Amino acid sequence: MVSIIKTKTFKPNRRTGFYTLMYDYGIDEVTDLVETAMKYGIVNKAGAWFTIVDVATGEVVCDEDGNPMKFQGQANLTDYIRENEALLEELKDQIKYQMEEGNE
């Protein structure tokens, strides 16, 4: 969590946001992207299992064989998204669209 202790523009002890830090990497963009996608309903969580949902159709995204893509644990999902640049860009676009439309 990021908080501002005291400046000329903010009140003291004001909480402004959250982000994930990794020791060797810095701010972890993909983990924060997954958490934001869960907020907007693009990534569904059921227990320890995560699935990616197509916003336009409402269906679960499938792999090349037609099997629904399921990931056990958030770490496995973030690793897969890091390896797949096309999926990363698609998730970013869907989140930007949801934020612009104001659909929460």
PDB file of N, CA and C in Angstrom:
ATOM      1  N   MET A   1       0.846  -1.162   0.000  1.00  0.00           N
ATOM      2  CA  MET A   1       0.000   0.000   0.000  1.00  0.00           C
ATOM      3  C   MET A   1       0.899   1.235   0.000  1.00  0.00           C
ATOM      4  N   VAL A   2       0.510   2.206  -0.777  1.00  0.00           N
ATOM      5  CA  VAL A   2       1.240   3.461  -0.852  1.00  0.00           C
ATOM      6  C   VAL A   2       0.493   4.485  -0.008  1.00  0.00           C
ATOM      7  N   SER A   3       1.212   5.175   0.839  1.00  0.00           N
ATOM      8  CA  SER A   3       0.582   6.238   1.612  1.00  0.00           C
ATOM      9  C   SER A   3       1.502   7.452   1.618  1.00  0.00           C
ATOM     10  N   ILE A   4       0.899   8.600   1.675  1.00  0.00           N
ATOM     11  CA  ILE A   4       1.634   9.862   1.719  1.00  0.00           C
ATOM     12  C   ILE A   4       1.602  10.331   3.170  1.00  0.00           C
ATOM     13  N   ILE A   5       2.755  10.522   3.762  1.00  0.00           N
ATOM     14  CA  ILE A   5       2.796  10.920   5.160  1.00  0.00           C
ATOM     15  C   ILE A   5       2.401  12.390   5.300  1.00  0.00           C
ATOM     16  N   LYS A   6       3.088  13.277   4.591  1.00  0.00           N
ATOM     17  CA  LYS A   6       2.685  14.676   4.620  1.00  0.00           C
ATOM     18  C   LYS A   6       3.374  15.414   3.477  1.00  0.00           C
ATOM     19  N   THR A   7       2.579  16.119   2.694  1.00  0.00           N
ATOM     20  CA  THR A   7       3.100  17.021   1.673  1.00  0.00           C
ATOM     21  C   THR A   7       2.244  18.270   1.671  1.00  0.00           C
ATOM     22  N   LYS A   8       2.562  19.178   0.777  1.00  0.00           N
ATOM     23  CA  LYS A   8       1.770  20.399   0.695  1.00  0.00           C
ATOM     24  C   LYS A   8       0.447  20.167  -0.012  1.00  0.00           C
ATOM     25  N   THR A   9       0.345  19.093  -0.795  1.00  0.00           N
ATOM     26  CA  THR A   9      -0.875  18.869  -1.573  1.00  0.00           C
ATOM     27  C   THR A   9      -1.813  17.837  -0.963  1.00  0.00           C
ATOM     28  N   PHE A  10      -1.304  16.914  -0.162  1.00  0.00           N
ATOM     29  CA  PHE A  10      -2.140  15.859   0.408  1.00  0.00           C
ATOM     30  C   PHE A  10      -2.292  16.048   1.914  1.00  0.00           C
ATOM     31  N   LYS A  11      -3.401  15.580   2.423  1.00  0.00           N
ATOM     32  CA  LYS A  11      -3.592  15.552   3.869  1.00  0.00           C
ATOM     33  C   LYS A  11      -2.660  14.508   4.457  1.00  0.00           C
ATOM     34  N   PRO A  12      -2.288  14.625   5.711  1.00  0.00           N
ATOM     35  CA  PRO A  12      -1.415  13.619   6.319  1.00  0.00           C
ATOM     36  C   PRO A  12      -2.099  12.255   6.404  1.00  0.00           C
ATOM     37  N   ASN A  13      -1.281  11.200   6.297  1.00  0.00           N
ATOM     38  CA  ASN A  13      -1.732   9.810   6.429  1.00  0.00           C
ATOM     39  C   ASN A  13      -2.843   9.449   5.442  1.00  0.00           C
ATOM     40  N   ARG A  14      -2.715   9.867   4.230  1.00  0.00           N
ATOM     41  CA  ARG A  14      -3.714   9.555   3.213  1.00  0.00           C
ATOM     42  C   ARG A  14      -3.242   8.361   2.389  1.00  0.00           C
ATOM     43  N   ARG A  15      -4.068   7.343   2.303  1.00  0.00           N
ATOM     44  CA  ARG A  15      -3.746   6.157   1.508  1.00  0.00           C
ATOM     45  C   ARG A  15      -4.130   6.422   0.062  1.00  0.00           C
ATOM     46  N   THR A  16      -3.211   6.140  -0.862  1.00  0.00           N
ATOM     47  CA  THR A  16      -3.485   6.482  -2.254  1.00  0.00           C
ATOM     48  C   THR A  16      -3.611   5.277  -3.176  1.00  0.00           C
ATOM     49  N   GLY A  17      -3.023   4.142  -2.857  1.00  0.00           N
ATOM     50  CA  GLY A  17      -3.148   3.008  -3.769  1.00  0.00           C
ATOM     51  C   GLY A  17      -2.334   1.813  -3.329  1.00  0.00           C
ATOM     52  N   PHE A  18      -2.415   0.748  -4.135  1.00  0.00           N
ATOM     53  CA  PHE A  18      -1.720  -0.500  -3.869  1.00  0.00           C
ATOM     54  C   PHE A  18      -0.939  -0.910  -5.110  1.00  0.00           C
ATOM     55  N   TYR A  19       0.200  -1.546  -4.917  1.00  0.00           N
ATOM     56  CA  TYR A  19       0.896  -2.219  -6.000  1.00  0.00           C
ATOM     57  C   TYR A  19       1.802  -3.286  -5.404  1.00  0.00           C
ATOM     58  N   THR A  20       2.209  -4.240  -6.243  1.00  0.00           N
ATOM     59  CA  THR A  20       2.998  -5.372  -5.805  1.00  0.00           C
ATOM     60  C   THR A  20       4.467  -5.125  -6.128  1.00  0.00           C
ATOM     61  N   LEU A  21       5.335  -5.317  -5.157  1.00  0.00           N
ATOM     62  CA  LEU A  21       6.772  -5.187  -5.351  1.00  0.00           C
ATOM     63  C   LEU A  21       7.425  -6.556  -5.299  1.00  0.00           C
ATOM     64  N   MET A  22       8.337  -6.799  -6.230  1.00  0.00           N
ATOM     65  CA  MET A  22       9.155  -8.008  -6.207  1.00  0.00           C
ATOM     66  C   MET A  22      10.590  -7.578  -5.911  1.00  0.00           C
ATOM     67  N   TYR A  23      11.301  -8.382  -5.161  1.00  0.00           N
ATOM     68  CA  TYR A  23      12.619  -8.004  -4.666  1.00  0.00           C
ATOM     69  C   TYR A  23      13.589  -7.635  -5.792  1.00  0.00           C
ATOM     70  N   ASP A  24      13.785  -8.507  -6.774  1.00  0.00           N
ATOM     71  CA  ASP A  24      14.753  -8.254  -7.844  1.00  0.00           C
ATOM     72  C   ASP A  24      14.160  -7.517  -9.033  1.00  0.00           C
ATOM     73  N   TYR A  25      12.835  -7.456  -9.116  1.00  0.00           N
ATOM     74  CA  TYR A  25      12.180  -6.971 -10.323  1.00  0.00           C
ATOM     75  C   TYR A  25      11.649  -5.548 -10.191  1.00  0.00           C
ATOM     76  N   GLY A  26      11.100  -5.204  -9.067  1.00  0.00           N
ATOM     77  CA  GLY A  26      10.472  -3.897  -8.885  1.00  0.00           C
ATOM     78  C   GLY A  26       8.967  -4.056  -8.852  1.00  0.00           C
ATOM     79  N   ILE A  27       8.244  -3.099  -9.422  1.00  0.00           N
ATOM     80  CA  ILE A  27       6.787  -3.176  -9.456  1.00  0.00           C
ATOM     81  C   ILE A  27       6.373  -4.262 -10.426  1.00  0.00           C
ATOM     82  N   ASP A  28       5.561  -5.204  -9.960  1.00  0.00           N
ATOM     83  CA  ASP A  28       5.118  -6.336 -10.770  1.00  0.00           C
ATOM     84  C   ASP A  28       3.834  -5.956 -11.515  1.00  0.00           C
ATOM     85  N   GLU A  29       3.997  -5.605 -12.765  1.00  0.00           N
ATOM     86  CA  GLU A  29       2.879  -5.133 -13.586  1.00  0.00           C
ATOM     87  C   GLU A  29       1.864  -6.237 -13.858  1.00  0.00           C
ATOM     88  N   VAL A  30       2.320  -7.458 -14.078  1.00  0.00           N
ATOM     89  CA  VAL A  30       1.415  -8.547 -14.460  1.00  0.00           C
ATOM     90  C   VAL A  30       0.524  -8.962 -13.294  1.00  0.00           C
ATOM     91  N   THR A  31       1.066  -9.051 -12.096  1.00  0.00           N
ATOM     92  CA  THR A  31       0.255  -9.404 -10.929  1.00  0.00           C
ATOM     93  C   THR A  31      -0.812  -8.351 -10.677  1.00  0.00           C
ATOM     94  N   ASP A  32      -0.444  -7.085 -10.798  1.00  0.00           N
ATOM     95  CA  ASP A  32      -1.427  -6.018 -10.630  1.00  0.00           C
ATOM     96  C   ASP A  32      -2.467  -6.043 -11.742  1.00  0.00           C
ATOM     97  N   LEU A  33      -2.059  -6.412 -12.959  1.00  0.00           N
ATOM     98  CA  LEU A  33      -2.989  -6.535 -14.075  1.00  0.00           C
ATOM     99  C   LEU A  33      -4.013  -7.636 -13.801  1.00  0.00           C
ATOM    100  N   VAL A  34      -3.569  -8.772 -13.260  1.00  0.00           N
ATOM    101  CA  VAL A  34      -4.470  -9.885 -12.946  1.00  0.00           C
ATOM    102  C   VAL A  34      -5.460  -9.466 -11.853  1.00  0.00           C
ATOM    103  N   GLU A  35      -4.995  -8.768 -10.830  1.00  0.00           N
ATOM    104  CA  GLU A  35      -5.894  -8.336  -9.755  1.00  0.00           C
ATOM    105  C   GLU A  35      -6.929  -7.328 -10.268  1.00  0.00           C
ATOM    106  N   THR A  36      -6.512  -6.438 -11.176  1.00  0.00           N
ATOM    107  CA  THR A  36      -7.453  -5.490 -11.769  1.00  0.00           C
ATOM    108  C   THR A  36      -8.437  -6.210 -12.672  1.00  0.00           C
ATOM    109  N   ALA A  37      -7.964  -7.213 -13.425  1.00  0.00           N
ATOM    110  CA  ALA A  37      -8.849  -7.995 -14.287  1.00  0.00           C
ATOM    111  C   ALA A  37      -9.873  -8.764 -13.460  1.00  0.00           C
ATOM    112  N   MET A  38      -9.501  -9.222 -12.266  1.00  0.00           N
ATOM    113  CA  MET A  38     -10.455  -9.898 -11.394  1.00  0.00           C
ATOM    114  C   MET A  38     -11.516  -8.911 -10.920  1.00  0.00           C
ATOM    115  N   LYS A  39     -11.126  -7.670 -10.675  1.00  0.00           N
ATOM    116  CA  LYS A  39     -12.081  -6.651 -10.239  1.00  0.00           C
ATOM    117  C   LYS A  39     -13.132  -6.389 -11.322  1.00  0.00           C
ATOM    118  N   TYR A  40     -12.723  -6.378 -12.587  1.00  0.00           N
ATOM    119  CA  TYR A  40     -13.632  -6.080 -13.688  1.00  0.00           C
ATOM    120  C   TYR A  40     -14.292  -7.327 -14.283  1.00  0.00           C
ATOM    121  N   GLY A  41     -14.037  -8.508 -13.738  1.00  0.00           N
ATOM    122  CA  GLY A  41     -14.693  -9.722 -14.202  1.00  0.00           C
ATOM    123  C   GLY A  41     -14.078 -10.338 -15.440  1.00  0.00           C
ATOM    124  N   ILE A  42     -12.879  -9.928 -15.811  1.00  0.00           N
ATOM    125  CA  ILE A  42     -12.199 -10.505 -16.969  1.00  0.00           C
ATOM    126  C   ILE A  42     -11.514 -11.808 -16.583  1.00  0.00           C
ATOM    127  N   VAL A  43     -11.045 -11.891 -15.358  1.00  0.00           N
ATOM    128  CA  VAL A  43     -10.469 -13.121 -14.806  1.00  0.00           C
ATOM    129  C   VAL A  43     -11.369 -13.559 -13.664  1.00  0.00           C
ATOM    130  N   ASN A  44     -11.828 -14.802 -13.719  1.00  0.00           N
ATOM    131  CA  ASN A  44     -12.673 -15.355 -12.663  1.00  0.00           C
ATOM    132  C   ASN A  44     -11.848 -16.249 -11.759  1.00  0.00           C
ATOM    133  N   LYS A  45     -12.155 -16.203 -10.479  1.00  0.00           N
ATOM    134  CA  LYS A  45     -11.482 -17.035  -9.489  1.00  0.00           C
ATOM    135  C   LYS A  45     -12.512 -17.922  -8.823  1.00  0.00           C
ATOM    136  N   ALA A  46     -12.253 -19.216  -8.829  1.00  0.00           N
ATOM    137  CA  ALA A  46     -13.106 -20.184  -8.143  1.00  0.00           C
ATOM    138  C   ALA A  46     -12.195 -21.059  -7.287  1.00  0.00           C
ATOM    139  N   GLY A  47     -12.111 -20.735  -6.024  1.00  0.00           N
ATOM    140  CA  GLY A  47     -11.182 -21.443  -5.148  1.00  0.00           C
ATOM    141  C   GLY A  47      -9.766 -21.050  -5.510  1.00  0.00           C
ATOM    142  N   ALA A  48      -8.954 -22.041  -5.892  1.00  0.00           N
ATOM    143  CA  ALA A  48      -7.583 -21.770  -6.309  1.00  0.00           C
ATOM    144  C   ALA A  48      -7.449 -21.733  -7.835  1.00  0.00           C
ATOM    145  N   TRP A  49      -8.564 -21.883  -8.552  1.00  0.00           N
ATOM    146  CA  TRP A  49      -8.533 -21.964 -10.011  1.00  0.00           C
ATOM    147  C   TRP A  49      -8.915 -20.626 -10.632  1.00  0.00           C
ATOM    148  N   PHE A  50      -8.177 -20.236 -11.652  1.00  0.00           N
ATOM    149  CA  PHE A  50      -8.414 -18.992 -12.371  1.00  0.00           C
ATOM    150  C   PHE A  50      -8.752 -19.294 -13.814  1.00  0.00           C
ATOM    151  N   THR A  51      -9.728 -18.572 -14.373  1.00  0.00           N
ATOM    152  CA  THR A  51     -10.072 -18.673 -15.789  1.00  0.00           C
ATOM    153  C   THR A  51     -10.172 -17.265 -16.361  1.00  0.00           C
ATOM    154  N   ILE A  52      -9.871 -17.151 -17.669  1.00  0.00           N
ATOM    155  CA  ILE A  52      -9.951 -15.870 -18.358  1.00  0.00           C
ATOM    156  C   ILE A  52     -11.236 -15.865 -19.168  1.00  0.00           C
ATOM    157  N   VAL A  53     -12.013 -14.777 -19.066  1.00  0.00           N
ATOM    158  CA  VAL A  53     -13.312 -14.670 -19.725  1.00  0.00           C
ATOM    159  C   VAL A  53     -13.222 -13.621 -20.824  1.00  0.00           C
ATOM    160  N   ASP A  54     -13.787 -13.934 -21.998  1.00  0.00           N
ATOM    161  CA  ASP A  54     -13.891 -12.961 -23.078  1.00  0.00           C
ATOM    162  C   ASP A  54     -15.033 -12.012 -22.746  1.00  0.00           C
ATOM    163  N   VAL A  55     -14.747 -10.730 -22.674  1.00  0.00           N
ATOM    164  CA  VAL A  55     -15.747  -9.751 -22.251  1.00  0.00           C
ATOM    165  C   VAL A  55     -16.876  -9.643 -23.274  1.00  0.00           C
ATOM    166  N   ALA A  56     -16.550  -9.722 -24.539  1.00  0.00           N
ATOM    167  CA  ALA A  56     -17.561  -9.548 -25.586  1.00  0.00           C
ATOM    168  C   ALA A  56     -18.597 -10.663 -25.578  1.00  0.00           C
ATOM    169  N   THR A  57     -18.162 -11.913 -25.405  1.00  0.00           N
ATOM    170  CA  THR A  57     -19.083 -13.046 -25.470  1.00  0.00           C
ATOM    171  C   THR A  57     -19.460 -13.604 -24.109  1.00  0.00           C
ATOM    172  N   GLY A  58     -18.631 -13.371 -23.095  1.00  0.00           N
ATOM    173  CA  GLY A  58     -18.891 -13.910 -21.768  1.00  0.00           C
ATOM    174  C   GLY A  58     -18.479 -15.355 -21.618  1.00  0.00           C
ATOM    175  N   GLU A  59     -17.745 -15.892 -22.608  1.00  0.00           N
ATOM    176  CA  GLU A  59     -17.310 -17.290 -22.565  1.00  0.00           C
ATOM    177  C   GLU A  59     -15.869 -17.374 -22.068  1.00  0.00           C
ATOM    178  N   VAL A  60     -15.525 -18.542 -21.536  1.00  0.00           N
ATOM    179  CA  VAL A  60     -14.169 -18.793 -21.067  1.00  0.00           C
ATOM    180  C   VAL A  60     -13.257 -18.945 -22.285  1.00  0.00           C
ATOM    181  N   VAL A  61     -12.090 -18.314 -22.237  1.00  0.00           N
ATOM    182  CA  VAL A  61     -11.124 -18.390 -23.332  1.00  0.00           C
ATOM    183  C   VAL A  61     -10.553 -19.798 -23.388  1.00  0.00           C
ATOM    184  N   CYS A  62     -10.453 -20.353 -24.616  1.00  0.00           N
ATOM    185  CA  CYS A  62      -9.956 -21.716 -24.817  1.00  0.00           C
ATOM    186  C   CYS A  62      -8.586 -21.690 -25.486  1.00  0.00           C
ATOM    187  N   ASP A  63      -7.838 -22.787 -25.328  1.00  0.00           N
ATOM    188  CA  ASP A  63      -6.545 -22.909 -25.988  1.00  0.00           C
ATOM    189  C   ASP A  63      -6.715 -23.415 -27.415  1.00  0.00           C
ATOM    190  N   GLU A  64      -5.615 -23.787 -28.077  1.00  0.00           N
ATOM    191  CA  GLU A  64      -5.661 -24.225 -29.479  1.00  0.00           C
ATOM    192  C   GLU A  64      -6.476 -25.492 -29.670  1.00  0.00           C
ATOM    193  N   ASP A  65      -6.517 -26.365 -28.665  1.00  0.00           N
ATOM    194  CA  ASP A  65      -7.242 -27.622 -28.763  1.00  0.00           C
ATOM    195  C   ASP A  65      -8.722 -27.484 -28.432  1.00  0.00           C
ATOM    196  N   GLY A  66      -9.146 -26.311 -28.016  1.00  0.00           N
ATOM    197  CA  GLY A  66     -10.539 -26.092 -27.665  1.00  0.00           C
ATOM    198  C   GLY A  66     -10.860 -26.355 -26.209  1.00  0.00           C
ATOM    199  N   ASN A  67      -9.833 -26.615 -25.409  1.00  0.00           N
ATOM    200  CA  ASN A  67     -10.033 -26.841 -23.975  1.00  0.00           C
ATOM    201  C   ASN A  67     -10.008 -25.505 -23.235  1.00  0.00           C
ATOM    202  N   PRO A  68     -10.903 -25.319 -22.259  1.00  0.00           N
ATOM    203  CA  PRO A  68     -10.876 -24.064 -21.497  1.00  0.00           C
ATOM    204  C   PRO A  68      -9.552 -23.911 -20.756  1.00  0.00           C
ATOM    205  N   MET A  69      -9.013 -22.709 -20.769  1.00  0.00           N
ATOM    206  CA  MET A  69      -7.742 -22.459 -20.088  1.00  0.00           C
ATOM    207  C   MET A  69      -8.022 -22.231 -18.609  1.00  0.00           C
ATOM    208  N   LYS A  70      -7.528 -23.139 -17.778  1.00  0.00           N
ATOM    209  CA  LYS A  70      -7.659 -23.045 -16.329  1.00  0.00           C
ATOM    210  C   LYS A  70      -6.257 -23.051 -15.741  1.00  0.00           C
ATOM    211  N   PHE A  71      -6.072 -22.242 -14.712  1.00  0.00           N
ATOM    212  CA  PHE A  71      -4.776 -22.145 -14.058  1.00  0.00           C
ATOM    213  C   PHE A  71      -4.981 -22.323 -12.568  1.00  0.00           C
ATOM    214  N   GLN A  72      -4.181 -23.203 -11.965  1.00  0.00           N
ATOM    215  CA  GLN A  72      -4.280 -23.406 -10.533  1.00  0.00           C
ATOM    216  C   GLN A  72      -3.269 -22.493  -9.848  1.00  0.00           C
ATOM    217  N   GLY A  73      -3.771 -21.489  -9.181  1.00  0.00           N
ATOM    218  CA  GLY A  73      -2.930 -20.531  -8.481  1.00  0.00           C
ATOM    219  C   GLY A  73      -2.632 -19.307  -9.323  1.00  0.00           C
ATOM    220  N   GLN A  74      -2.549 -18.179  -8.649  1.00  0.00           N
ATOM    221  CA  GLN A  74      -2.299 -16.920  -9.336  1.00  0.00           C
ATOM    222  C   GLN A  74      -0.891 -16.877  -9.918  1.00  0.00           C
ATOM    223  N   ALA A  75       0.065 -17.545  -9.294  1.00  0.00           N
ATOM    224  CA  ALA A  75       1.438 -17.551  -9.804  1.00  0.00           C
ATOM    225  C   ALA A  75       1.511 -18.222 -11.175  1.00  0.00           C
ATOM    226  N   ASN A  76       0.781 -19.318 -11.360  1.00  0.00           N
ATOM    227  CA  ASN A  76       0.776 -19.997 -12.658  1.00  0.00           C
ATOM    228  C   ASN A  76       0.134 -19.126 -13.733  1.00  0.00           C
ATOM    229  N   LEU A  77      -0.930 -18.423 -13.376  1.00  0.00           N
ATOM    230  CA  LEU A  77      -1.588 -17.527 -14.328  1.00  0.00           C
ATOM    231  C   LEU A  77      -0.667 -16.387 -14.721  1.00  0.00           C
ATOM    232  N   THR A  78      -0.016 -15.761 -13.761  1.00  0.00           N
ATOM    233  CA  THR A  78       0.874 -14.640 -14.086  1.00  0.00           C
ATOM    234  C   THR A  78       2.074 -15.099 -14.905  1.00  0.00           C
ATOM    235  N   ASP A  79       2.606 -16.289 -14.627  1.00  0.00           N
ATOM    236  CA  ASP A  79       3.708 -16.819 -15.438  1.00  0.00           C
ATOM    237  C   ASP A  79       3.275 -17.045 -16.877  1.00  0.00           C
ATOM    238  N   TYR A  80       2.061 -17.584 -17.077  1.00  0.00           N
ATOM    239  CA  TYR A  80       1.554 -17.822 -18.430  1.00  0.00           C
ATOM    240  C   TYR A  80       1.345 -16.499 -19.175  1.00  0.00           C
ATOM    241  N   ILE A  81       0.833 -15.495 -18.489  1.00  0.00           N
ATOM    242  CA  ILE A  81       0.601 -14.197 -19.131  1.00  0.00           C
ATOM    243  C   ILE A  81       1.927 -13.532 -19.488  1.00  0.00           C
ATOM    244  N   ARG A  82       2.948 -13.684 -18.631  1.00  0.00           N
ATOM    245  CA  ARG A  82       4.265 -13.127 -18.949  1.00  0.00           C
ATOM    246  C   ARG A  82       4.853 -13.749 -20.206  1.00  0.00           C
ATOM    247  N   GLU A  83       4.636 -15.045 -20.404  1.00  0.00           N
ATOM    248  CA  GLU A  83       5.171 -15.745 -21.573  1.00  0.00           C
ATOM    249  C   GLU A  83       4.396 -15.435 -22.844  1.00  0.00           C
ATOM    250  N   ASN A  84       3.119 -15.103 -22.727  1.00  0.00           N
ATOM    251  CA  ASN A  84       2.249 -14.899 -23.877  1.00  0.00           C
ATOM    252  C   ASN A  84       1.961 -13.397 -24.037  1.00  0.00           C
ATOM    253  N   GLU A  85       2.744 -12.720 -24.875  1.00  0.00           N
ATOM    254  CA  GLU A  85       2.623 -11.272 -25.054  1.00  0.00           C
ATOM    255  C   GLU A  85       1.276 -10.872 -25.657  1.00  0.00           C
ATOM    256  N   ALA A  86       0.732 -11.692 -26.557  1.00  0.00           N
ATOM    257  CA  ALA A  86      -0.553 -11.368 -27.182  1.00  0.00           C
ATOM    258  C   ALA A  86      -1.669 -11.350 -26.136  1.00  0.00           C
ATOM    259  N   LEU A  87      -1.663 -12.310 -25.230  1.00  0.00           N
ATOM    260  CA  LEU A  87      -2.666 -12.360 -24.169  1.00  0.00           C
ATOM    261  C   LEU A  87      -2.500 -11.177 -23.217  1.00  0.00           C
ATOM    262  N   LEU A  88      -1.256 -10.791 -22.930  1.00  0.00           N
ATOM    263  CA  LEU A  88      -0.993  -9.647 -22.065  1.00  0.00           C
ATOM    264  C   LEU A  88      -1.581  -8.370 -22.666  1.00  0.00           C
ATOM    265  N   GLU A  89      -1.350  -8.155 -23.946  1.00  0.00           N
ATOM    266  CA  GLU A  89      -1.880  -6.962 -24.613  1.00  0.00           C
ATOM    267  C   GLU A  89      -3.404  -6.995 -24.689  1.00  0.00           C
ATOM    268  N   GLU A  90      -3.968  -8.187 -24.916  1.00  0.00           N
ATOM    269  CA  GLU A  90      -5.431  -8.314 -24.975  1.00  0.00           C
ATOM    270  C   GLU A  90      -6.067  -7.989 -23.626  1.00  0.00           C
ATOM    271  N   LEU A  91      -5.463  -8.485 -22.546  1.00  0.00           N
ATOM    272  CA  LEU A  91      -5.982  -8.174 -21.210  1.00  0.00           C
ATOM    273  C   LEU A  91      -5.887  -6.681 -20.912  1.00  0.00           C
ATOM    274  N   LYS A  92      -4.769  -6.055 -21.294  1.00  0.00           N
ATOM    275  CA  LYS A  92      -4.632  -4.619 -21.086  1.00  0.00           C
ATOM    276  C   LYS A  92      -5.714  -3.853 -21.841  1.00  0.00           C
ATOM    277  N   ASP A  93      -5.958  -4.258 -23.083  1.00  0.00           N
ATOM    278  CA  ASP A  93      -6.984  -3.579 -23.887  1.00  0.00           C
ATOM    279  C   ASP A  93      -8.371  -3.750 -23.281  1.00  0.00           C
ATOM    280  N   GLN A  94      -8.693  -4.961 -22.811  1.00  0.00           N
ATOM    281  CA  GLN A  94     -10.006  -5.200 -22.220  1.00  0.00           C
ATOM    282  C   GLN A  94     -10.188  -4.392 -20.933  1.00  0.00           C
ATOM    283  N   ILE A  95      -9.140  -4.288 -20.129  1.00  0.00           N
ATOM    284  CA  ILE A  95      -9.227  -3.509 -18.891  1.00  0.00           C
ATOM    285  C   ILE A  95      -9.390  -2.028 -19.212  1.00  0.00           C
ATOM    286  N   LYS A  96      -8.635  -1.534 -20.198  1.00  0.00           N
ATOM    287  CA  LYS A  96      -8.768  -0.121 -20.583  1.00  0.00           C
ATOM    288  C   LYS A  96     -10.176   0.163 -21.086  1.00  0.00           C
ATOM    289  N   TYR A  97     -10.741  -0.763 -21.864  1.00  0.00           N
ATOM    290  CA  TYR A  97     -12.098  -0.588 -22.368  1.00  0.00           C
ATOM    291  C   TYR A  97     -13.099  -0.538 -21.217  1.00  0.00           C
ATOM    292  N   GLN A  98     -12.961  -1.458 -20.262  1.00  0.00           N
ATOM    293  CA  GLN A  98     -13.858  -1.490 -19.108  1.00  0.00           C
ATOM    294  C   GLN A  98     -13.738  -0.214 -18.276  1.00  0.00           C
ATOM    295  N   MET A  99     -12.525   0.298 -18.131  1.00  0.00           N
ATOM    296  CA  MET A  99     -12.325   1.513 -17.335  1.00  0.00           C
ATOM    297  C   MET A  99     -12.896   2.745 -18.043  1.00  0.00           C
ATOM    298  N   GLU A 100     -12.744   2.801 -19.365  1.00  0.00           N
ATOM    299  CA  GLU A 100     -13.273   3.943 -20.114  1.00  0.00           C
ATOM    300  C   GLU A 100     -14.787   3.955 -20.115  1.00  0.00           C
ATOM    301  N   GLU A 101     -15.382   2.780 -20.209  1.00  0.00           N
ATOM    302  CA  GLU A 101     -16.847   2.690 -20.243  1.00  0.00           C
ATOM    303  C   GLU A 101     -17.460   2.876 -18.867  1.00  0.00           C
ATOM    304  N   GLY A 102     -16.666   2.716 -17.831  1.00  0.00           N
ATOM    305  CA  GLY A 102     -17.199   2.875 -16.480  1.00  0.00           C
ATOM    306  C   GLY A 102     -17.980   1.672 -16.020  1.00  0.00           C
ATOM    307  N   ASN A 103     -17.751   0.515 -16.645  1.00  0.00           N
ATOM    308  CA  ASN A 103     -18.454  -0.715 -16.260  1.00  0.00           C
ATOM    309  C   ASN A 103     -17.677  -1.376 -15.134  1.00  0.00           C
ATOM    310  N   GLU A 104     -18.196  -1.297 -13.934  1.00  0.00           N
ATOM    311  CA  GLU A 104     -17.513  -1.934 -12.808  1.00  0.00           C
ATOM    312  C   GLU A 104     -18.316  -3.072 -12.281  1.00  0.00           C
TER     313      GLU A 104
END
